[in-house]
Protein backbone atom coordinates (compact mmCIF):
# COMPACT_ATOMS: atom_id res chain seq x y z
CA UNK A 1 -21.30 11.01 -5.12
CA UNK A 2 -18.12 9.35 -4.58
CA UNK A 3 -14.73 10.84 -5.57
CA UNK A 4 -12.23 11.14 -8.46
CA UNK A 5 -8.39 11.09 -8.32
CA UNK A 6 -6.84 14.34 -9.48
CA UNK A 7 -3.38 14.02 -8.55
CA UNK A 8 -0.95 11.47 -7.55
CA UNK A 9 2.72 11.39 -5.98
CA UNK A 10 5.30 9.34 -4.66
CA UNK A 11 8.64 9.40 -2.80
CA UNK A 12 11.20 6.55 -2.17
CA UNK A 13 14.10 6.63 0.35
CA UNK A 14 17.55 7.58 -1.21
CA UNK A 15 19.45 4.19 -0.42
CA UNK A 16 18.54 1.32 -2.85
CA UNK A 17 19.35 -2.12 -1.70
CA UNK A 18 20.00 -4.39 -4.52
CA UNK A 19 19.77 -8.25 -4.18
CA UNK A 20 23.67 -8.45 -4.35
CA UNK A 21 24.09 -6.06 -1.41
CA UNK A 22 21.59 -7.99 0.78
CA UNK A 23 23.34 -11.12 0.15
CA UNK A 24 26.32 -9.65 1.86
CA UNK A 25 24.36 -8.95 4.87
CA UNK A 26 22.10 -12.49 4.89
CA UNK A 27 22.49 -16.00 3.74
CA UNK A 28 21.05 -15.62 0.53
CA UNK A 29 21.75 -14.66 -3.39
CA UNK A 30 20.55 -12.74 -6.18
CA UNK A 31 19.24 -16.09 -7.79
CA UNK A 32 17.77 -17.23 -4.44
CA UNK A 33 15.44 -13.93 -4.20
CA UNK A 34 14.42 -13.53 -7.87
CA UNK A 35 13.40 -16.84 -8.37
CA UNK A 36 11.09 -17.24 -5.52
CA UNK A 37 9.93 -13.37 -5.26
CA UNK A 38 10.70 -11.29 -8.57
CA UNK A 39 12.07 -8.54 -6.34
CA UNK A 40 15.77 -7.41 -7.52
CA UNK A 41 15.41 -4.25 -5.61
CA UNK A 42 14.23 -2.06 -2.50
CA UNK A 43 14.29 1.10 -0.89
CA UNK A 44 15.30 1.30 2.80
CA UNK A 45 14.68 4.49 5.04
CA UNK A 46 18.03 5.72 6.90
CA UNK A 47 18.62 9.39 7.20
CA UNK A 48 14.98 10.30 6.44
CA UNK A 49 12.08 10.00 8.53
CA UNK A 50 8.95 8.33 7.24
CA UNK A 51 7.06 11.67 7.89
CA UNK A 52 9.59 13.20 5.22
CA UNK A 53 8.93 10.97 2.69
CA UNK A 54 5.34 10.79 3.10
CA UNK A 55 5.23 14.84 3.07
CA UNK A 56 7.16 14.80 -0.20
CA UNK A 57 4.77 12.27 -1.75
CA UNK A 58 1.85 14.40 -0.58
CA UNK A 59 3.74 17.65 -2.05
CA UNK A 60 4.11 15.98 -5.33
CA UNK A 61 0.39 14.83 -5.35
CA UNK A 62 -0.87 18.43 -4.33
CA UNK A 63 1.42 20.08 -7.32
CA UNK A 64 0.23 17.37 -9.84
CA UNK A 65 -3.47 18.21 -8.48
CA UNK A 66 -2.83 21.88 -9.00
CA UNK A 67 -3.96 22.68 -5.38
CA UNK A 68 -2.25 23.79 -2.42
CA UNK A 69 -2.02 22.32 1.09
CA UNK A 70 -4.78 24.74 2.37
CA UNK A 71 -7.45 23.52 0.16
CA UNK A 72 -7.40 19.85 1.75
CA UNK A 73 -10.39 19.12 3.99
CA UNK A 74 -9.02 15.89 5.30
CA UNK A 75 -5.62 13.62 5.37
CA UNK A 76 -6.05 10.04 5.88
CA UNK A 77 -2.85 8.26 6.27
CA UNK A 78 -2.16 4.52 5.77
CA UNK A 79 0.36 2.98 7.48
CA UNK A 80 1.63 0.11 9.91
CA UNK A 81 3.15 2.73 12.36
CA UNK A 82 4.46 5.91 11.45
CA UNK A 83 7.39 7.63 13.17
CA UNK A 84 5.64 7.71 16.49
CA UNK A 85 2.85 5.73 18.46
CA UNK A 86 1.47 9.68 18.63
CA UNK A 87 1.51 12.05 16.89
CA UNK A 88 -0.14 10.02 14.21
CA UNK A 89 1.68 10.07 10.97
CA UNK A 90 -1.15 12.17 9.27
CA UNK A 91 -0.68 14.97 11.90
CA UNK A 92 3.08 14.88 11.03
CA UNK A 93 2.39 14.96 7.26
CA UNK A 94 0.12 17.78 7.85
CA UNK A 95 2.87 19.59 9.53
CA UNK A 96 5.05 18.54 6.78
CA UNK A 97 2.89 20.30 4.14
CA UNK A 98 1.50 23.05 6.19
CA UNK A 99 -2.29 21.83 5.94
CA UNK A 100 -4.68 22.52 8.87
CA UNK A 101 -7.16 20.16 8.08
CA UNK A 102 -8.25 17.30 10.32
CA UNK A 103 -5.96 14.08 9.94
CA UNK A 104 -5.72 10.80 11.41
CA UNK A 105 -4.17 7.52 10.53
CA UNK A 106 -5.52 3.96 9.50
CA UNK A 107 -3.87 0.57 9.79
CA UNK A 108 -5.22 -2.17 7.89
CA UNK A 109 -1.58 -3.76 6.58
CA UNK A 110 -1.15 -3.81 3.18
CA UNK A 111 -4.94 -3.20 2.40
CA UNK A 112 -4.87 0.48 4.14
CA UNK A 113 -5.14 2.48 1.03
CA UNK A 114 -7.95 0.83 -0.04
CA UNK A 115 -9.56 0.90 3.57
CA UNK A 116 -8.55 4.72 3.07
CA UNK A 117 -10.44 5.22 -0.08
CA UNK A 118 -13.56 3.71 1.29
CA UNK A 119 -13.24 6.19 4.24
CA UNK A 120 -12.83 9.22 2.17
CA UNK A 121 -15.97 7.94 -0.08
CA UNK A 122 -17.83 8.15 3.07
CA UNK A 123 -16.83 11.64 3.68
CA UNK A 124 -17.72 12.83 0.39
CA UNK A 125 -20.95 11.05 0.64
CA UNK A 126 -21.94 13.15 3.62
CA UNK A 127 -20.72 16.34 1.72
CA UNK A 128 -18.29 17.33 4.25
CA UNK A 129 -15.53 17.52 2.15
CA UNK A 130 -14.04 18.65 -1.01
CA UNK A 131 -10.98 17.67 -1.35
CA UNK A 132 -9.08 14.55 0.55
CA UNK A 133 -5.57 13.55 0.54
CA UNK A 134 -4.61 10.20 1.27
CA UNK A 135 -1.00 9.32 1.69
CA UNK A 136 0.22 5.40 2.06
CA UNK A 137 3.75 5.33 3.95
CA UNK A 138 5.18 2.72 4.95
CA UNK A 139 8.62 1.63 6.77
CA UNK A 140 8.39 -2.04 6.74
CA UNK A 141 12.11 -2.37 6.79
CA UNK A 142 11.99 -1.17 10.70
CA UNK A 143 10.26 -4.66 11.27
CA UNK A 144 11.93 -7.40 9.15
CA UNK A 145 14.09 -9.84 10.89
CA UNK A 146 17.33 -9.60 8.83
CA UNK A 147 18.18 -12.93 10.70
CA UNK A 148 15.67 -14.50 8.65
CA UNK A 149 16.09 -14.85 4.91
CA UNK A 150 12.72 -16.26 4.13
CA UNK A 151 10.89 -12.58 4.91
CA UNK A 152 13.36 -9.89 5.03
CA UNK A 153 14.23 -10.14 1.41
CA UNK A 154 10.57 -8.98 0.47
CA UNK A 155 10.26 -5.55 2.19
CA UNK A 156 11.09 -1.96 1.11
CA UNK A 157 10.28 1.46 2.21
CA UNK A 158 8.05 3.79 0.22
CA UNK A 159 5.29 6.57 0.09
CA UNK A 160 2.40 6.91 -2.48
CA UNK A 161 -0.25 9.53 -2.27
CA UNK A 162 -3.53 10.79 -3.99
CA UNK A 163 -5.47 13.86 -3.96
CA UNK A 164 -9.39 13.26 -4.45
CA UNK A 165 -12.21 15.56 -5.46
CA UNK A 166 -15.83 14.97 -5.60
CA UNK A 167 -16.92 12.93 -8.47
CA UNK A 168 -18.52 9.66 -9.45
CA UNK A 169 -15.62 7.62 -10.40
CA UNK A 170 -15.42 5.00 -7.44
CA UNK A 171 -17.84 2.40 -9.18
CA UNK A 172 -17.46 -0.45 -6.67
CA UNK A 173 -15.71 -1.33 -2.98
CA UNK A 174 -15.38 -4.58 -1.09
CA UNK A 175 -13.36 -4.55 2.27
CA UNK A 176 -13.01 -7.76 4.46
CA UNK A 177 -11.33 -8.59 7.74
CA UNK A 178 -10.80 -11.78 9.44
CA UNK A 179 -9.21 -11.93 12.63
CA UNK A 180 -5.90 -13.95 12.57
CA UNK A 181 -2.65 -13.44 14.67
CA UNK A 182 -1.50 -17.14 13.45
CA UNK A 183 -0.30 -16.06 9.42
CA UNK A 184 1.13 -12.59 9.83
CA UNK A 185 2.38 -10.48 13.06
CA UNK A 186 4.66 -7.79 14.30
CA UNK A 187 5.06 -7.92 17.91
CA UNK A 188 4.12 -4.40 19.76
CA UNK A 189 6.52 -2.78 22.03
CA UNK A 190 6.26 -4.28 25.68
CA UNK A 191 7.71 -1.64 27.87
CA UNK A 192 10.15 -2.16 30.57
CA UNK A 193 7.82 -2.57 33.72
CA UNK A 194 10.39 -4.27 36.33
CA UNK A 195 7.95 -7.35 36.95
CA UNK A 196 6.70 -7.82 33.34
CA UNK A 197 8.47 -11.18 31.91
CA UNK A 198 9.63 -9.96 28.07
CA UNK A 199 11.82 -12.64 27.56
CA UNK A 200 10.14 -14.57 24.63
CA UNK A 201 9.10 -11.17 23.14
CA UNK A 202 10.06 -10.79 19.26
CA UNK A 203 9.56 -7.22 17.98
CA UNK A 204 9.94 -8.33 14.51
CA UNK A 205 7.61 -9.78 11.58
CA UNK A 206 6.71 -13.12 11.73
CA UNK A 207 4.92 -14.53 8.48
CA UNK A 208 3.90 -18.20 7.77
CA UNK A 209 4.35 -17.82 3.89
CA UNK A 210 2.67 -20.76 2.82
CA UNK A 211 -0.66 -19.83 4.37
CA UNK A 212 -0.32 -16.04 3.22
CA UNK A 213 0.30 -17.46 -0.19
CA UNK A 214 -3.04 -19.25 -0.45
CA UNK A 215 -4.97 -16.62 1.27
CA UNK A 216 -3.59 -14.04 -1.05
CA UNK A 217 -4.45 -15.77 -4.10
CA UNK A 218 -7.89 -16.53 -2.89
CA UNK A 219 -8.58 -13.33 -1.88
CA UNK A 220 -7.47 -11.69 -5.03
CA UNK A 221 -9.37 -13.80 -7.39
CA UNK A 222 -12.85 -13.45 -5.08
CA UNK A 223 -12.44 -10.11 -4.57
CA UNK A 224 -11.57 -8.82 -7.97
CA UNK A 225 -14.67 -11.14 -9.41
CA UNK A 226 -17.18 -9.75 -6.75
CA UNK A 227 -16.34 -6.14 -7.24
CA UNK A 228 -16.28 -6.19 -11.08
CA UNK A 229 -19.68 -7.90 -10.85
CA UNK A 230 -20.87 -4.94 -8.47
CA UNK A 231 -19.60 -2.54 -11.05
CA UNK A 232 -21.32 -4.30 -13.95
CA UNK A 233 -18.21 -4.41 -15.90
CA UNK A 234 -16.54 -7.56 -18.13
CA UNK A 235 -13.19 -8.41 -18.44
CA UNK A 236 -12.76 -6.46 -21.79
CA UNK A 237 -13.61 -3.24 -19.82
CA UNK A 238 -10.55 -3.33 -17.52
CA UNK A 239 -7.65 -1.03 -18.60
CA UNK A 240 -5.28 -2.27 -15.60
CA UNK A 241 -5.20 -4.31 -12.65
CA UNK A 242 -3.36 -2.99 -9.59
CA UNK A 243 -2.41 -5.56 -6.77
CA UNK A 244 -0.64 -5.19 -3.61
CA UNK A 245 2.82 -6.07 -4.59
CA UNK A 246 3.75 -9.17 -2.39
CA UNK A 247 5.26 -11.72 -4.36
CA UNK A 248 5.76 -12.33 -8.21
CA UNK A 249 4.69 -15.87 -7.83
CA UNK A 250 1.31 -14.81 -6.12
CA UNK A 251 0.58 -12.53 -8.78
CA UNK A 252 1.29 -15.12 -11.51
CA UNK A 253 -0.98 -17.42 -9.78
CA UNK A 254 -3.67 -14.91 -9.36
CA UNK A 255 -3.44 -14.45 -13.11
CA UNK A 256 -3.95 -17.93 -14.17
CA UNK A 257 -7.06 -18.23 -12.12
CA UNK A 258 -8.72 -14.88 -13.59
CA UNK A 259 -9.76 -14.75 -16.92
CA UNK A 260 -8.34 -11.73 -17.52
CA UNK A 261 -5.69 -10.67 -20.25
CA UNK A 262 -2.29 -11.31 -18.08
CA UNK A 263 -1.04 -7.93 -19.53
CA UNK A 264 -3.47 -6.12 -17.67
CA UNK A 265 -1.88 -6.81 -14.42
CA UNK A 266 0.82 -4.08 -13.54
CA UNK A 267 3.67 -5.23 -11.53
CA UNK A 268 6.67 -2.99 -10.04
CA UNK A 269 7.72 -5.48 -7.60
CA UNK A 270 11.12 -6.08 -8.97
CA UNK A 271 12.03 -2.57 -8.55
CA UNK A 272 10.18 -1.78 -5.24
CA UNK A 273 9.53 -5.12 -3.27
CA UNK A 274 6.97 -5.36 -0.93
CA UNK A 275 5.94 -1.72 0.42
CA UNK A 276 2.66 -2.69 1.87
CA UNK A 277 -0.05 -0.41 1.51
CA UNK A 278 2.06 2.18 -0.42
CA UNK A 279 2.42 -0.34 -3.43
CA UNK A 280 -1.08 0.58 -5.08
CA UNK A 281 -0.54 4.40 -4.92
CA UNK A 282 3.10 4.16 -6.21
CA UNK A 283 1.89 2.33 -9.36
CA UNK A 284 -1.23 4.81 -9.90
CA UNK A 285 1.82 7.60 -9.95
CA UNK A 286 3.98 5.63 -12.37
CA UNK A 287 1.00 4.96 -14.83
CA UNK A 288 -0.38 8.46 -14.74
CA UNK A 289 3.25 10.34 -14.98
CA UNK A 290 4.04 7.47 -17.89
CA UNK A 291 0.87 8.41 -19.98
CA UNK A 292 -0.80 4.99 -19.58
CA UNK A 293 -4.00 6.07 -18.18
CA UNK A 294 -6.69 8.04 -20.08
CA UNK A 295 -9.92 9.80 -19.04
CA UNK A 296 -12.39 6.79 -18.62
CA UNK A 297 -10.07 3.96 -18.32
CA UNK A 298 -11.10 1.36 -15.70
CA UNK A 299 -8.88 0.34 -13.18
CA UNK A 300 -9.48 -2.64 -10.83
CA UNK A 301 -7.60 -2.82 -7.39
CA UNK A 302 -7.06 -5.56 -4.91
CA UNK A 303 -5.00 -5.88 -1.70
CA UNK A 304 -4.67 -8.24 1.15
CA UNK A 305 -2.54 -8.05 4.45
CA UNK A 306 -2.17 -8.47 8.09
CA UNK A 307 -5.26 -8.83 9.80
CA UNK A 308 -6.27 -10.71 7.82
CA UNK A 309 -7.70 -7.77 5.51
CA UNK A 310 -8.51 -7.59 1.89
CA UNK A 311 -9.63 -4.92 -0.09
CA UNK A 312 -10.86 -4.44 -3.79
CA UNK A 313 -12.41 -1.67 -5.94
CA UNK A 314 -13.34 -0.69 -9.39
CA UNK A 315 -12.63 3.12 -10.25
CA UNK A 316 -13.11 5.27 -13.76
CA UNK A 317 -9.78 7.18 -14.17
């Protein structure tokens, strides 16, 4: 026994930041960003909190599933960091929606949503839950260095949510981690102890783009191939492939290496930018509400992120 997805929801901040607007803040241009990343727009938290947009995404998923907050047995939030270090984002979303169940966060960077699916599957296998809410909510703009045009142009904020119920629609799943703080890091808070030297502390994101690019392409190709083999499916069985939306060049390179119809790869990066672990559940919600998923469709997921972490899964809709 694993699960099935019975509801989806998403929410982005109100403020949309186009490449043209960004070029007034940073030494860049629409042509430079688009040609290197495929991104045209992203959404940035301003007056809202991450808890608020996560709560709206959660409520939309609950409404889509036809259930109420009181019916949820567990809330798992995927996030690099919520509005607070503590309480967790999951607890704040529990407050936003009026639920009373256990709630906790998981941080696997951009792979977090797939990690959360795997955790939920374990609860269903034990028979301790009937309904689980997963919310992937990220405010990466808080950690972007807006003096570094190579990275700040990539990221946007968003929340995506799914409601899971008992079922047998998880066909295979794989997670990996390879401890690495050389290619992608965000500095932690150093405090203000008077004798501590924090002169060289950088609280913003650092990314070695070339190394992350190579890691991402390799992980997509390896993990997608492995979970498809585990699920016993062929290329022609796959309806759509949802990969973490990091950079259009990564997606195009992975397409060229995998012997799968390129039209099956979904891309929303032009409209949202890199929203970390929120990207896959946001795609789920768009596909569902655009009527592009029907019962029985085979969906392949693949993500990669800081850690370094990766995850992939095969689901039946």
